[in-house]
């Protein structure tokens, strides 16, 4: 069975036992995947996307990543009530509709 970038990232973070910067995590993952320099550059955006949408990972300040299981629910969820839309955003939304 072929390993995926996300499976490798999960294992690396479990072994590290602490958050890692995105670039350090990506470097470790790409080494294990056996990527050359070109593949390193070609796959970085897909890796970031995969991390962002996989519910097992937690994005932290300063582009650090960790396992969501090591954080409380309040740390890993966003309070959408605190978000606001300014008048300019509302005008753009109306134009789309």
C-alpha atoms as a PDB file:
ATOM      1  CA  UNK A   1       0.000   0.000   0.000  1.00  0.00           C
ATOM      2  CA  UNK A   2       1.387   3.389  -1.027  1.00  0.00           C
ATOM      3  CA  UNK A   3       1.748   5.869   1.813  1.00  0.00           C
ATOM      4  CA  UNK A   4       0.168   9.297   1.448  1.00  0.00           C
ATOM      5  CA  UNK A   5       1.688  12.633   2.402  1.00  0.00           C
ATOM      6  CA  UNK A   6      -0.995  13.027   5.077  1.00  0.00           C
ATOM      7  CA  UNK A   7      -0.328   9.591   6.569  1.00  0.00           C
ATOM      8  CA  UNK A   8       3.348  10.471   6.828  1.00  0.00           C
ATOM      9  CA  UNK A   9       2.546  13.871   8.398  1.00  0.00           C
ATOM     10  CA  UNK A  10       0.318  12.180  10.964  1.00  0.00           C
ATOM     11  CA  UNK A  11       3.087   9.779  11.944  1.00  0.00           C
ATOM     12  CA  UNK A  12       5.746  12.537  12.048  1.00  0.00           C
ATOM     13  CA  UNK A  13       3.640  14.720  14.346  1.00  0.00           C
ATOM     14  CA  UNK A  14       2.845  11.750  16.591  1.00  0.00           C
ATOM     15  CA  UNK A  15       6.551  10.961  16.877  1.00  0.00           C
ATOM     16  CA  UNK A  16       7.511  14.630  17.449  1.00  0.00           C
ATOM     17  CA  UNK A  17       5.008  14.955  20.297  1.00  0.00           C
ATOM     18  CA  UNK A  18       4.885  18.729  19.715  1.00  0.00           C
ATOM     19  CA  UNK A  19       3.783  21.227  17.054  1.00  0.00           C
ATOM     20  CA  UNK A  20       6.002  21.760  14.024  1.00  0.00           C
ATOM     21  CA  UNK A  21       6.378  24.629  11.618  1.00  0.00           C
ATOM     22  CA  UNK A  22       4.798  23.909   8.261  1.00  0.00           C
ATOM     23  CA  UNK A  23       8.118  23.977   6.410  1.00  0.00           C
ATOM     24  CA  UNK A  24       9.797  21.591   8.866  1.00  0.00           C
ATOM     25  CA  UNK A  25       6.839  19.220   8.679  1.00  0.00           C
ATOM     26  CA  UNK A  26       6.824  19.406   4.872  1.00  0.00           C
ATOM     27  CA  UNK A  27      10.583  18.809   4.740  1.00  0.00           C
ATOM     28  CA  UNK A  28      10.237  15.678   6.873  1.00  0.00           C
ATOM     29  CA  UNK A  29       7.285  14.411   4.848  1.00  0.00           C
ATOM     30  CA  UNK A  30       8.977  15.045   1.506  1.00  0.00           C
ATOM     31  CA  UNK A  31      12.168  13.277   2.664  1.00  0.00           C
ATOM     32  CA  UNK A  32      10.194  10.212   3.682  1.00  0.00           C
ATOM     33  CA  UNK A  33       8.237  10.278   0.430  1.00  0.00           C
ATOM     34  CA  UNK A  34      11.564  10.342  -1.428  1.00  0.00           C
ATOM     35  CA  UNK A  35      10.781  13.562  -3.282  1.00  0.00           C
ATOM     36  CA  UNK A  36      13.470  15.281  -5.314  1.00  0.00           C
ATOM     37  CA  UNK A  37      13.739  19.091  -5.409  1.00  0.00           C
ATOM     38  CA  UNK A  38      11.224  19.407  -8.242  1.00  0.00           C
ATOM     39  CA  UNK A  39       8.686  17.154  -6.505  1.00  0.00           C
ATOM     40  CA  UNK A  40       9.271  19.089  -3.270  1.00  0.00           C
ATOM     41  CA  UNK A  41       8.177  22.294  -5.025  1.00  0.00           C
ATOM     42  CA  UNK A  42       5.397  20.664  -7.063  1.00  0.00           C
ATOM     43  CA  UNK A  43       3.661  19.034  -4.082  1.00  0.00           C
ATOM     44  CA  UNK A  44       3.901  21.683  -1.357  1.00  0.00           C
ATOM     45  CA  UNK A  45       0.603  23.408  -2.224  1.00  0.00           C
ATOM     46  CA  UNK A  46      -1.282  20.102  -2.333  1.00  0.00           C
ATOM     47  CA  UNK A  47       0.200  19.128   1.017  1.00  0.00           C
ATOM     48  CA  UNK A  48      -0.907  22.429   2.588  1.00  0.00           C
ATOM     49  CA  UNK A  49      -4.398  21.963   1.183  1.00  0.00           C
ATOM     50  CA  UNK A  50      -4.576  18.396   2.452  1.00  0.00           C
ATOM     51  CA  UNK A  51      -3.468  19.461   5.949  1.00  0.00           C
ATOM     52  CA  UNK A  52      -6.028  22.267   5.962  1.00  0.00           C
ATOM     53  CA  UNK A  53      -8.999  20.069   5.107  1.00  0.00           C
ATOM     54  CA  UNK A  54      -8.049  16.972   7.113  1.00  0.00           C
ATOM     55  CA  UNK A  55      -9.832  17.183  10.444  1.00  0.00           C
ATOM     56  CA  UNK A  56      -6.994  15.492  12.342  1.00  0.00           C
ATOM     57  CA  UNK A  57      -4.661  18.477  12.015  1.00  0.00           C
ATOM     58  CA  UNK A  58      -4.713  21.800  13.825  1.00  0.00           C
ATOM     59  CA  UNK A  59      -3.377  25.042  12.328  1.00  0.00           C
ATOM     60  CA  UNK A  60      -1.728  27.202  14.939  1.00  0.00           C
ATOM     61  CA  UNK A  61      -0.354  30.758  14.935  1.00  0.00           C
ATOM     62  CA  UNK A  62       2.867  31.438  12.991  1.00  0.00           C
ATOM     63  CA  UNK A  63       2.120  28.561  10.565  1.00  0.00           C
ATOM     64  CA  UNK A  64       2.730  25.783  13.072  1.00  0.00           C
ATOM     65  CA  UNK A  65       0.752  22.566  12.840  1.00  0.00           C
ATOM     66  CA  UNK A  66      -0.176  19.937  15.398  1.00  0.00           C
ATOM     67  CA  UNK A  67      -2.590  17.087  15.898  1.00  0.00           C
ATOM     68  CA  UNK A  68      -6.061  18.306  16.779  1.00  0.00           C
ATOM     69  CA  UNK A  69      -6.317  15.505  19.357  1.00  0.00           C
ATOM     70  CA  UNK A  70      -3.717  17.286  21.498  1.00  0.00           C
ATOM     71  CA  UNK A  71      -5.850  20.434  21.800  1.00  0.00           C
ATOM     72  CA  UNK A  72      -9.079  21.294  23.533  1.00  0.00           C
ATOM     73  CA  UNK A  73     -12.244  21.856  21.551  1.00  0.00           C
ATOM     74  CA  UNK A  74     -12.232  25.559  22.422  1.00  0.00           C
ATOM     75  CA  UNK A  75      -8.698  25.903  21.030  1.00  0.00           C
ATOM     76  CA  UNK A  76      -9.522  24.170  17.770  1.00  0.00           C
ATOM     77  CA  UNK A  77     -12.802  25.825  16.852  1.00  0.00           C
ATOM     78  CA  UNK A  78     -13.512  29.328  15.629  1.00  0.00           C
ATOM     79  CA  UNK A  79     -16.237  31.464  17.128  1.00  0.00           C
ATOM     80  CA  UNK A  80     -18.017  32.659  13.999  1.00  0.00           C
ATOM     81  CA  UNK A  81     -20.085  35.127  16.039  1.00  0.00           C
ATOM     82  CA  UNK A  82     -16.977  37.272  16.310  1.00  0.00           C
ATOM     83  CA  UNK A  83     -16.605  37.535  12.534  1.00  0.00           C
ATOM     84  CA  UNK A  84     -17.948  40.600  10.835  1.00  0.00           C
ATOM     85  CA  UNK A  85     -18.625  41.638   7.293  1.00  0.00           C
ATOM     86  CA  UNK A  86     -17.909  45.219   6.413  1.00  0.00           C
ATOM     87  CA  UNK A  87     -20.056  47.247   4.019  1.00  0.00           C
ATOM     88  CA  UNK A  88     -17.709  46.588   1.101  1.00  0.00           C
ATOM     89  CA  UNK A  89     -18.062  42.819   1.568  1.00  0.00           C
ATOM     90  CA  UNK A  90     -21.850  43.102   1.681  1.00  0.00           C
ATOM     91  CA  UNK A  91     -21.838  45.012  -1.629  1.00  0.00           C
ATOM     92  CA  UNK A  92     -19.743  42.259  -3.239  1.00  0.00           C
ATOM     93  CA  UNK A  93     -22.154  39.610  -1.961  1.00  0.00           C
ATOM     94  CA  UNK A  94     -25.133  41.517  -3.378  1.00  0.00           C
ATOM     95  CA  UNK A  95     -23.400  41.791  -6.769  1.00  0.00           C
ATOM     96  CA  UNK A  96     -22.898  38.017  -6.854  1.00  0.00           C
ATOM     97  CA  UNK A  97     -26.547  37.320  -6.119  1.00  0.00           C
END
